All heavy atoms as atom14 arrays in JSON, in Angstrom:
{
  "sequence": "TKRINKIVSGVKVRGLVAGDVADLDRLAQAGDNDLVPIAN",
  "atom14_mask": [
    [1, 1, 1, 1, 1, 1, 1, 0, 0, 0, 0, 0, 0, 0],
    [1, 1, 1, 1, 1, 1, 1, 1, 1, 0, 0, 0, 0, 0],
    [1, 1, 1, 1, 1, 1, 1, 1, 1, 1, 1, 0, 0, 0],
    [1, 1, 1, 1, 1, 1, 1, 1, 0, 0, 0, 0, 0, 0],
    [1, 1, 1, 1, 1, 1, 1, 1, 0, 0, 0, 0, 0, 0],
    [1, 1, 1, 1, 1, 1, 1, 1, 1, 0, 0, 0, 0, 0],
    [1, 1, 1, 1, 1, 1, 1, 1, 0, 0, 0, 0, 0, 0],
    [1, 1, 1, 1, 1, 1, 1, 0, 0, 0, 0, 0, 0, 0],
    [1, 1, 1, 1, 1, 1, 0, 0, 0, 0, 0, 0, 0, 0],
    [1, 1, 1, 1, 0, 0, 0, 0, 0, 0, 0, 0, 0, 0],
    [1, 1, 1, 1, 1, 1, 1, 0, 0, 0, 0, 0, 0, 0],
    [1, 1, 1, 1, 1, 1, 1, 1, 1, 0, 0, 0, 0, 0],
    [1, 1, 1, 1, 1, 1, 1, 0, 0, 0, 0, 0, 0, 0],
    [1, 1, 1, 1, 1, 1, 1, 1, 1, 1, 1, 0, 0, 0],
    [1, 1, 1, 1, 0, 0, 0, 0, 0, 0, 0, 0, 0, 0],
    [1, 1, 1, 1, 1, 1, 1, 1, 0, 0, 0, 0, 0, 0],
    [1, 1, 1, 1, 1, 1, 1, 0, 0, 0, 0, 0, 0, 0],
    [1, 1, 1, 1, 1, 0, 0, 0, 0, 0, 0, 0, 0, 0],
    [1, 1, 1, 1, 0, 0, 0, 0, 0, 0, 0, 0, 0, 0],
    [1, 1, 1, 1, 1, 1, 1, 1, 0, 0, 0, 0, 0, 0],
    [1, 1, 1, 1, 1, 1, 1, 0, 0, 0, 0, 0, 0, 0],
    [1, 1, 1, 1, 1, 0, 0, 0, 0, 0, 0, 0, 0, 0],
    [1, 1, 1, 1, 1, 1, 1, 1, 0, 0, 0, 0, 0, 0],
    [1, 1, 1, 1, 1, 1, 1, 1, 0, 0, 0, 0, 0, 0],
    [1, 1, 1, 1, 1, 1, 1, 1, 0, 0, 0, 0, 0, 0],
    [1, 1, 1, 1, 1, 1, 1, 1, 1, 1, 1, 0, 0, 0],
    [1, 1, 1, 1, 1, 1, 1, 1, 0, 0, 0, 0, 0, 0],
    [1, 1, 1, 1, 1, 0, 0, 0, 0, 0, 0, 0, 0, 0],
    [1, 1, 1, 1, 1, 1, 1, 1, 1, 0, 0, 0, 0, 0],
    [1, 1, 1, 1, 1, 0, 0, 0, 0, 0, 0, 0, 0, 0],
    [1, 1, 1, 1, 0, 0, 0, 0, 0, 0, 0, 0, 0, 0],
    [1, 1, 1, 1, 1, 1, 1, 1, 0, 0, 0, 0, 0, 0],
    [1, 1, 1, 1, 1, 1, 1, 1, 0, 0, 0, 0, 0, 0],
    [1, 1, 1, 1, 1, 1, 1, 1, 0, 0, 0, 0, 0, 0],
    [1, 1, 1, 1, 1, 1, 1, 1, 0, 0, 0, 0, 0, 0],
    [1, 1, 1, 1, 1, 1, 1, 0, 0, 0, 0, 0, 0, 0],
    [1, 1, 1, 1, 1, 1, 1, 0, 0, 0, 0, 0, 0, 0],
    [1, 1, 1, 1, 1, 1, 1, 1, 0, 0, 0, 0, 0, 0],
    [1, 1, 1, 1, 1, 0, 0, 0, 0, 0, 0, 0, 0, 0],
    [1, 1, 1, 1, 1, 1, 1, 1, 0, 0, 0, 0, 0, 0]
  ],
  "atom14_positions": [
    [[0.81, -1.23, 0.01], [-0.02, 0.06, 0.05], [0.86, 1.29, 0.03], [0.58, 2.26, -0.66], [-0.94, -0.02, 1.3], [-1.75, -1.23, 1.18], [-1.82, 1.24, 1.26], [0.0, 0.0, 0.0], [0.0, 0.0, 0.0], [0.0, 0.0, 0.0], [0.0, 0.0, 0.0], [0.0, 0.0, 0.0], [0.0, 0.0, 0.0], [0.0, 0.0, 0.0]],
    [[1.86, 1.27, 0.76], [2.85, 2.39, 0.81], [3.43, 2.64, -0.57], [3.58, 3.75, -1.01], [3.86, 2.25, 1.92], [3.37, 2.52, 3.37], [4.52, 2.36, 4.29], [4.16, 2.81, 5.74], [3.04, 2.16, 6.3], [0.0, 0.0, 0.0], [0.0, 0.0, 0.0], [0.0, 0.0, 0.0], [0.0, 0.0, 0.0], [0.0, 0.0, 0.0]],
    [[3.86, 1.57, -1.22], [4.49, 1.63, -2.53], [3.42, 2.15, -3.63], [3.81, 2.92, -4.41], [5.01, 0.28, -2.99], [5.83, 0.32, -4.23], [6.63, -1.0, -4.38], [7.55, -1.12, -3.2], [8.26, -2.25, -2.94], [8.1, -3.35, -3.63], [9.1, -2.27, -1.94], [0.0, 0.0, 0.0], [0.0, 0.0, 0.0], [0.0, 0.0, 0.0]],
    [[2.19, 1.72, -3.47], [1.13, 2.21, -4.34], [1.0, 3.71, -4.17], [0.93, 4.53, -5.08], [-0.12, 1.49, -4.06], [-0.1, -0.01, -4.58], [-1.36, 2.25, -4.74], [-1.35, -0.79, -4.27], [0.0, 0.0, 0.0], [0.0, 0.0, 0.0], [0.0, 0.0, 0.0], [0.0, 0.0, 0.0], [0.0, 0.0, 0.0], [0.0, 0.0, 0.0]],
    [[0.98, 4.09, -2.96], [0.8, 5.62, -2.67], [1.95, 6.46, -3.23], [1.66, 7.54, -3.82], [0.74, 5.82, -1.14], [-0.54, 5.26, -0.48], [-1.56, 5.0, -1.24], [-0.48, 5.01, 0.77], [0.0, 0.0, 0.0], [0.0, 0.0, 0.0], [0.0, 0.0, 0.0], [0.0, 0.0, 0.0], [0.0, 0.0, 0.0], [0.0, 0.0, 0.0]],
    [[3.12, 5.93, -3.18], [4.26, 6.69, -3.66], [4.24, 6.72, -5.24], [4.49, 7.79, -5.82], [5.62, 5.99, -3.23], [5.96, 6.19, -1.77], [7.18, 5.47, -1.4], [7.54, 5.7, 0.08], [8.85, 5.06, 0.41], [0.0, 0.0, 0.0], [0.0, 0.0, 0.0], [0.0, 0.0, 0.0], [0.0, 0.0, 0.0], [0.0, 0.0, 0.0]],
    [[3.82, 5.64, -5.81], [3.8, 5.66, -7.31], [2.69, 6.52, -7.75], [2.82, 7.27, -8.84], [3.6, 4.15, -7.85], [4.89, 3.42, -7.5], [3.4, 4.19, -9.33], [4.89, 1.9, -7.89], [0.0, 0.0, 0.0], [0.0, 0.0, 0.0], [0.0, 0.0, 0.0], [0.0, 0.0, 0.0], [0.0, 0.0, 0.0], [0.0, 0.0, 0.0]],
    [[1.47, 6.38, -7.13], [0.35, 7.23, -7.44], [0.73, 8.68, -7.4], [0.31, 9.62, -8.22], [-0.85, 6.88, -6.55], [-1.95, 7.95, -6.82], [-1.44, 5.52, -6.94], [0.0, 0.0, 0.0], [0.0, 0.0, 0.0], [0.0, 0.0, 0.0], [0.0, 0.0, 0.0], [0.0, 0.0, 0.0], [0.0, 0.0, 0.0], [0.0, 0.0, 0.0]],
    [[1.45, 9.11, -6.35], [1.83, 10.49, -6.1], [2.71, 10.94, -7.24], [2.81, 12.19, -7.6], [2.49, 10.7, -4.81], [3.66, 9.95, -4.76], [0.0, 0.0, 0.0], [0.0, 0.0, 0.0], [0.0, 0.0, 0.0], [0.0, 0.0, 0.0], [0.0, 0.0, 0.0], [0.0, 0.0, 0.0], [0.0, 0.0, 0.0], [0.0, 0.0, 0.0]],
    [[3.43, 10.06, -7.92], [4.37, 10.33, -9.05], [3.74, 10.28, -10.34], [4.32, 10.86, -11.28], [0.0, 0.0, 0.0], [0.0, 0.0, 0.0], [0.0, 0.0, 0.0], [0.0, 0.0, 0.0], [0.0, 0.0, 0.0], [0.0, 0.0, 0.0], [0.0, 0.0, 0.0], [0.0, 0.0, 0.0], [0.0, 0.0, 0.0], [0.0, 0.0, 0.0]],
    [[2.49, 9.76, -10.51], [1.88, 9.64, -11.78], [1.14, 10.9, -12.04], [0.07, 11.07, -11.5], [0.97, 8.43, -11.83], [0.16, 8.3, -13.11], [1.74, 7.1, -11.58], [0.0, 0.0, 0.0], [0.0, 0.0, 0.0], [0.0, 0.0, 0.0], [0.0, 0.0, 0.0], [0.0, 0.0, 0.0], [0.0, 0.0, 0.0], [0.0, 0.0, 0.0]],
    [[1.75, 11.8, -12.77], [1.17, 13.05, -13.17], [1.16, 13.31, -14.69], [2.32, 12.86, -15.22], [1.86, 14.19, -12.42], [1.79, 14.1, -10.9], [2.5, 15.26, -10.24], [2.51, 15.15, -8.67], [3.25, 16.21, -8.07], [0.0, 0.0, 0.0], [0.0, 0.0, 0.0], [0.0, 0.0, 0.0], [0.0, 0.0, 0.0], [0.0, 0.0, 0.0]],
    [[0.3, 13.97, -15.25], [0.28, 14.33, -16.66], [1.23, 15.53, -16.82], [0.85, 16.68, -16.45], [-1.01, 14.48, -17.27], [-0.96, 14.87, -18.71], [-1.88, 13.38, -17.02], [0.0, 0.0, 0.0], [0.0, 0.0, 0.0], [0.0, 0.0, 0.0], [0.0, 0.0, 0.0], [0.0, 0.0, 0.0], [0.0, 0.0, 0.0], [0.0, 0.0, 0.0]],
    [[2.46, 15.39, -17.31], [3.43, 16.43, -17.54], [4.06, 16.37, -18.88], [4.11, 15.26, -19.44], [4.53, 16.25, -16.46], [4.11, 16.49, -14.95], [5.12, 16.14, -14.0], [5.33, 14.75, -13.91], [6.11, 14.07, -13.04], [6.73, 14.8, -12.21], [6.22, 12.73, -13.08], [0.0, 0.0, 0.0], [0.0, 0.0, 0.0], [0.0, 0.0, 0.0]],
    [[4.37, 17.52, -19.4], [4.96, 17.59, -20.82], [5.93, 18.64, -20.95], [6.05, 19.54, -20.12], [0.0, 0.0, 0.0], [0.0, 0.0, 0.0], [0.0, 0.0, 0.0], [0.0, 0.0, 0.0], [0.0, 0.0, 0.0], [0.0, 0.0, 0.0], [0.0, 0.0, 0.0], [0.0, 0.0, 0.0], [0.0, 0.0, 0.0], [0.0, 0.0, 0.0]],
    [[6.63, 18.49, -22.09], [7.64, 19.6, -22.39], [7.22, 20.38, -23.7], [6.72, 19.75, -24.67], [8.93, 18.94, -22.65], [9.54, 18.13, -21.53], [10.85, 17.36, -21.96], [9.89, 18.99, -20.25], [0.0, 0.0, 0.0], [0.0, 0.0, 0.0], [0.0, 0.0, 0.0], [0.0, 0.0, 0.0], [0.0, 0.0, 0.0], [0.0, 0.0, 0.0]],
    [[7.34, 21.65, -23.69], [6.97, 22.49, -24.82], [8.19, 23.43, -25.08], [8.95, 23.72, -24.15], [5.74, 23.29, -24.68], [4.5, 22.33, -24.55], [5.82, 24.18, -23.45], [0.0, 0.0, 0.0], [0.0, 0.0, 0.0], [0.0, 0.0, 0.0], [0.0, 0.0, 0.0], [0.0, 0.0, 0.0], [0.0, 0.0, 0.0], [0.0, 0.0, 0.0]],
    [[8.25, 24.01, -26.32], [9.24, 25.03, -26.5], [9.07, 26.17, -25.63], [7.93, 26.54, -25.26], [9.11, 25.49, -27.98], [0.0, 0.0, 0.0], [0.0, 0.0, 0.0], [0.0, 0.0, 0.0], [0.0, 0.0, 0.0], [0.0, 0.0, 0.0], [0.0, 0.0, 0.0], [0.0, 0.0, 0.0], [0.0, 0.0, 0.0], [0.0, 0.0, 0.0]],
    [[10.18, 26.91, -25.3], [10.09, 27.93, -24.21], [9.26, 29.11, -24.65], [8.73, 29.86, -23.86], [0.0, 0.0, 0.0], [0.0, 0.0, 0.0], [0.0, 0.0, 0.0], [0.0, 0.0, 0.0], [0.0, 0.0, 0.0], [0.0, 0.0, 0.0], [0.0, 0.0, 0.0], [0.0, 0.0, 0.0], [0.0, 0.0, 0.0], [0.0, 0.0, 0.0]],
    [[9.15, 29.31, -25.95], [8.36, 30.57, -26.39], [7.03, 30.3, -26.81], [6.31, 31.15, -27.47], [9.16, 31.19, -27.65], [9.37, 30.11, -28.84], [9.07, 28.96, -28.54], [9.79, 30.52, -29.89], [0.0, 0.0, 0.0], [0.0, 0.0, 0.0], [0.0, 0.0, 0.0], [0.0, 0.0, 0.0], [0.0, 0.0, 0.0], [0.0, 0.0, 0.0]],
    [[6.52, 29.06, -26.55], [5.08, 28.72, -26.94], [4.23, 28.95, -25.76], [3.79, 28.06, -25.04], [5.02, 27.29, -27.4], [3.57, 26.98, -27.95], [6.02, 27.0, -28.48], [0.0, 0.0, 0.0], [0.0, 0.0, 0.0], [0.0, 0.0, 0.0], [0.0, 0.0, 0.0], [0.0, 0.0, 0.0], [0.0, 0.0, 0.0], [0.0, 0.0, 0.0]],
    [[3.84, 30.2, -25.41], [3.01, 30.59, -24.31], [1.63, 30.32, -24.49], [0.85, 29.97, -23.53], [3.21, 32.05, -23.97], [0.0, 0.0, 0.0], [0.0, 0.0, 0.0], [0.0, 0.0, 0.0], [0.0, 0.0, 0.0], [0.0, 0.0, 0.0], [0.0, 0.0, 0.0], [0.0, 0.0, 0.0], [0.0, 0.0, 0.0], [0.0, 0.0, 0.0]],
    [[1.21, 30.25, -25.8], [-0.22, 29.97, -26.15], [-0.66, 28.52, -25.66], [-1.74, 28.24, -25.24], [-0.45, 30.07, -27.53], [-0.37, 31.56, -28.02], [-0.55, 32.5, -27.14], [-0.02, 31.79, -29.21], [0.0, 0.0, 0.0], [0.0, 0.0, 0.0], [0.0, 0.0, 0.0], [0.0, 0.0, 0.0], [0.0, 0.0, 0.0], [0.0, 0.0, 0.0]],
    [[0.33, 27.61, -25.66], [-0.03, 26.17, -25.29], [-0.29, 26.14, -23.83], [-1.12, 25.24, -23.43], [1.2, 25.24, -25.72], [1.49, 25.01, -27.22], [2.57, 24.14, -27.43], [0.22, 24.57, -27.89], [0.0, 0.0, 0.0], [0.0, 0.0, 0.0], [0.0, 0.0, 0.0], [0.0, 0.0, 0.0], [0.0, 0.0, 0.0], [0.0, 0.0, 0.0]],
    [[0.39, 26.97, -23.04], [0.12, 26.92, -21.55], [-1.27, 27.43, -21.28], [-2.0, 26.87, -20.49], [1.15, 27.84, -20.91], [0.85, 27.74, -19.36], [0.96, 26.76, -18.75], [0.57, 28.92, -18.82], [0.0, 0.0, 0.0], [0.0, 0.0, 0.0], [0.0, 0.0, 0.0], [0.0, 0.0, 0.0], [0.0, 0.0, 0.0], [0.0, 0.0, 0.0]],
    [[-1.75, 28.5, -22.07], [-3.13, 28.94, -21.86], [-4.08, 27.91, -22.4], [-5.2, 27.69, -21.85], [-3.33, 30.28, -22.62], [-2.54, 31.43, -22.05], [-2.96, 32.7, -22.61], [-2.48, 32.85, -23.99], [-3.36, 32.81, -25.0], [-4.67, 32.81, -24.83], [-2.94, 33.04, -26.27], [0.0, 0.0, 0.0], [0.0, 0.0, 0.0], [0.0, 0.0, 0.0]],
    [[-3.69, 27.11, -23.37], [-4.6, 26.01, -23.89], [-4.73, 24.98, -22.84], [-5.82, 24.37, -22.72], [-4.01, 25.53, -25.22], [-4.75, 24.36, -25.83], [-6.17, 24.8, -26.16], [-4.03, 23.78, -27.02], [0.0, 0.0, 0.0], [0.0, 0.0, 0.0], [0.0, 0.0, 0.0], [0.0, 0.0, 0.0], [0.0, 0.0, 0.0], [0.0, 0.0, 0.0]],
    [[-3.73, 24.63, -22.17], [-3.69, 23.5, -21.15], [-4.64, 23.89, -19.93], [-5.26, 23.05, -19.29], [-2.39, 23.23, -20.63], [0.0, 0.0, 0.0], [0.0, 0.0, 0.0], [0.0, 0.0, 0.0], [0.0, 0.0, 0.0], [0.0, 0.0, 0.0], [0.0, 0.0, 0.0], [0.0, 0.0, 0.0], [0.0, 0.0, 0.0], [0.0, 0.0, 0.0]],
    [[-4.85, 25.2, -19.68], [-5.56, 25.68, -18.57], [-7.04, 26.16, -18.92], [-7.75, 26.61, -18.07], [-4.88, 26.84, -17.92], [-3.46, 26.51, -17.31], [-2.85, 27.61, -16.5], [-3.47, 28.52, -16.11], [-1.51, 27.58, -16.4], [0.0, 0.0, 0.0], [0.0, 0.0, 0.0], [0.0, 0.0, 0.0], [0.0, 0.0, 0.0], [0.0, 0.0, 0.0]],
    [[-7.36, 25.91, -20.22], [-8.62, 26.37, -20.72], [-9.82, 25.48, -20.12], [-9.48, 24.3, -19.82], [-8.71, 26.34, -22.13], [0.0, 0.0, 0.0], [0.0, 0.0, 0.0], [0.0, 0.0, 0.0], [0.0, 0.0, 0.0], [0.0, 0.0, 0.0], [0.0, 0.0, 0.0], [0.0, 0.0, 0.0], [0.0, 0.0, 0.0], [0.0, 0.0, 0.0]],
    [[-10.93, 26.01, -19.87], [-12.08, 25.27, -19.4], [-12.86, 24.63, -20.43], [-12.48, 24.69, -21.57], [0.0, 0.0, 0.0], [0.0, 0.0, 0.0], [0.0, 0.0, 0.0], [0.0, 0.0, 0.0], [0.0, 0.0, 0.0], [0.0, 0.0, 0.0], [0.0, 0.0, 0.0], [0.0, 0.0, 0.0], [0.0, 0.0, 0.0], [0.0, 0.0, 0.0]],
    [[-14.09, 24.1, -20.03], [-14.9, 23.48, -21.08], [-15.46, 24.51, -22.03], [-15.91, 25.61, -21.62], [-16.1, 22.72, -20.33], [-15.61, 21.57, -19.49], [-14.52, 21.08, -19.74], [-16.38, 21.17, -18.55], [0.0, 0.0, 0.0], [0.0, 0.0, 0.0], [0.0, 0.0, 0.0], [0.0, 0.0, 0.0], [0.0, 0.0, 0.0], [0.0, 0.0, 0.0]],
    [[-15.51, 24.17, -23.35], [-15.99, 25.01, -24.35], [-15.26, 26.36, -24.58], [-15.87, 27.26, -25.11], [-17.43, 25.25, -24.16], [-18.29, 23.96, -24.18], [-17.99, 23.04, -24.93], [-19.34, 23.94, -23.27], [0.0, 0.0, 0.0], [0.0, 0.0, 0.0], [0.0, 0.0, 0.0], [0.0, 0.0, 0.0], [0.0, 0.0, 0.0], [0.0, 0.0, 0.0]],
    [[-14.02, 26.5, -24.03], [-13.28, 27.75, -24.19], [-12.51, 27.61, -25.49], [-11.93, 26.52, -25.82], [-12.28, 27.81, -23.07], [-12.95, 28.3, -21.7], [-14.2, 28.68, -21.82], [-12.4, 28.24, -20.64], [0.0, 0.0, 0.0], [0.0, 0.0, 0.0], [0.0, 0.0, 0.0], [0.0, 0.0, 0.0], [0.0, 0.0, 0.0], [0.0, 0.0, 0.0]],
    [[-12.47, 28.65, -26.21], [-11.68, 28.8, -27.38], [-10.49, 29.66, -27.16], [-10.61, 30.83, -26.77], [-12.53, 29.42, -28.58], [-13.8, 28.56, -29.03], [-14.53, 29.34, -30.05], [-13.28, 27.21, -29.5], [0.0, 0.0, 0.0], [0.0, 0.0, 0.0], [0.0, 0.0, 0.0], [0.0, 0.0, 0.0], [0.0, 0.0, 0.0], [0.0, 0.0, 0.0]],
    [[-9.29, 29.15, -27.42], [-8.11, 29.84, -27.18], [-7.39, 30.26, -28.46], [-7.04, 29.34, -29.25], [-7.08, 28.93, -26.32], [-5.85, 29.69, -26.0], [-7.78, 28.53, -25.01], [0.0, 0.0, 0.0], [0.0, 0.0, 0.0], [0.0, 0.0, 0.0], [0.0, 0.0, 0.0], [0.0, 0.0, 0.0], [0.0, 0.0, 0.0], [0.0, 0.0, 0.0]],
    [[-7.23, 31.55, -28.67], [-6.46, 31.96, -29.92], [-5.02, 31.62, -29.83], [-4.38, 31.83, -28.78], [-6.78, 33.43, -29.98], [-7.08, 33.84, -28.46], [-7.63, 32.7, -27.86], [0.0, 0.0, 0.0], [0.0, 0.0, 0.0], [0.0, 0.0, 0.0], [0.0, 0.0, 0.0], [0.0, 0.0, 0.0], [0.0, 0.0, 0.0], [0.0, 0.0, 0.0]],
    [[-4.48, 31.05, -30.95], [-3.12, 30.63, -30.97], [-2.45, 31.35, -32.16], [-3.03, 31.19, -33.34], [-2.93, 29.17, -31.1], [-3.55, 28.49, -29.77], [-1.53, 28.76, -31.17], [-3.45, 27.0, -29.83], [0.0, 0.0, 0.0], [0.0, 0.0, 0.0], [0.0, 0.0, 0.0], [0.0, 0.0, 0.0], [0.0, 0.0, 0.0], [0.0, 0.0, 0.0]],
    [[-1.42, 31.99, -31.95], [-0.68, 32.68, -33.12], [0.22, 31.59, -33.82], [0.56, 30.54, -33.3], [0.3, 33.7, -32.42], [0.0, 0.0, 0.0], [0.0, 0.0, 0.0], [0.0, 0.0, 0.0], [0.0, 0.0, 0.0], [0.0, 0.0, 0.0], [0.0, 0.0, 0.0], [0.0, 0.0, 0.0], [0.0, 0.0, 0.0], [0.0, 0.0, 0.0]],
    [[0.4, 31.87, -35.09], [1.16, 30.99, -35.95], [0.56, 29.6, -35.92], [1.32, 28.62, -35.81], [2.6, 30.94, -35.55], [3.24, 32.31, -35.51], [3.0, 33.14, -36.5], [4.11, 32.68, -34.55], [0.0, 0.0, 0.0], [0.0, 0.0, 0.0], [0.0, 0.0, 0.0], [0.0, 0.0, 0.0], [0.0, 0.0, 0.0], [0.0, 0.0, 0.0]]
  ]
}
């Protein structure tokens, strides 16, 4: 059970993006039915 708890705490949805792509961060935090404008 302790091992399960440790692994579950480490299972997170994480990703890498280019440092200048700020629009993708706003896209990740958008709510339901939100439209996020993205340049380029």
